[in-house]
Amino acid sequence: MDTAELSAREALRELVAAYAQLADGGRFDDVVALFTDDGVIEIDDRPAIRGHDGIRAFLGGTGTDLRAKTSVALIRHHTSNLRLEVTSASEARGSCYFFVVTERGPDHWGRYRDTYRCVDGRWRFAHRRVRLDGWAPTSWVGERRAAAKETSR
């Protein structure tokens, strides 16, 4: 492994950490800036969220829902077991687990599968695939999923 790949790997670790910390702090414009202009977020079987405007709207709506459904709008994303593959000087792939805690305790958990692109010397998310593996029954996400199920009937 050469120094360019080591540098890329460290930048990608920082990117993944920044996403969690900025999102948890409600700094959604800063989260959006972590994506390429044509960046995509896919969550389970929902329609893909595309581009900066789409990602900003999604994050803002999620933040609004969290504030409305909890007495303390506190959320913490924890990521672990980050695996990275730098495929070229401007492209990479990665995956990791996430575990989310709110004021109620453990909330939901799953996996991120990412594609990264280096744009103007900075690594960004080109595509973030979110797979939800589970959630606590009385969690914020559990309530959201139950409400969505009721709405779709």
Foldseek 3Di string as FASTA:
>chain_A
DDPLVVVVVVLVVVLVVCLQVCLQVVVQLVNLVQADQFAWEAEDPDDIQTGSVSSSVVSVVVQVLLVVPDVDSGKGKDWDDKDKDAPDSFKIKIKIKIWMADPVGTFWIFMWIFIWTQDPNHIHTRYIYTYTPDTDCPHSVNVVVVVVVVVVD
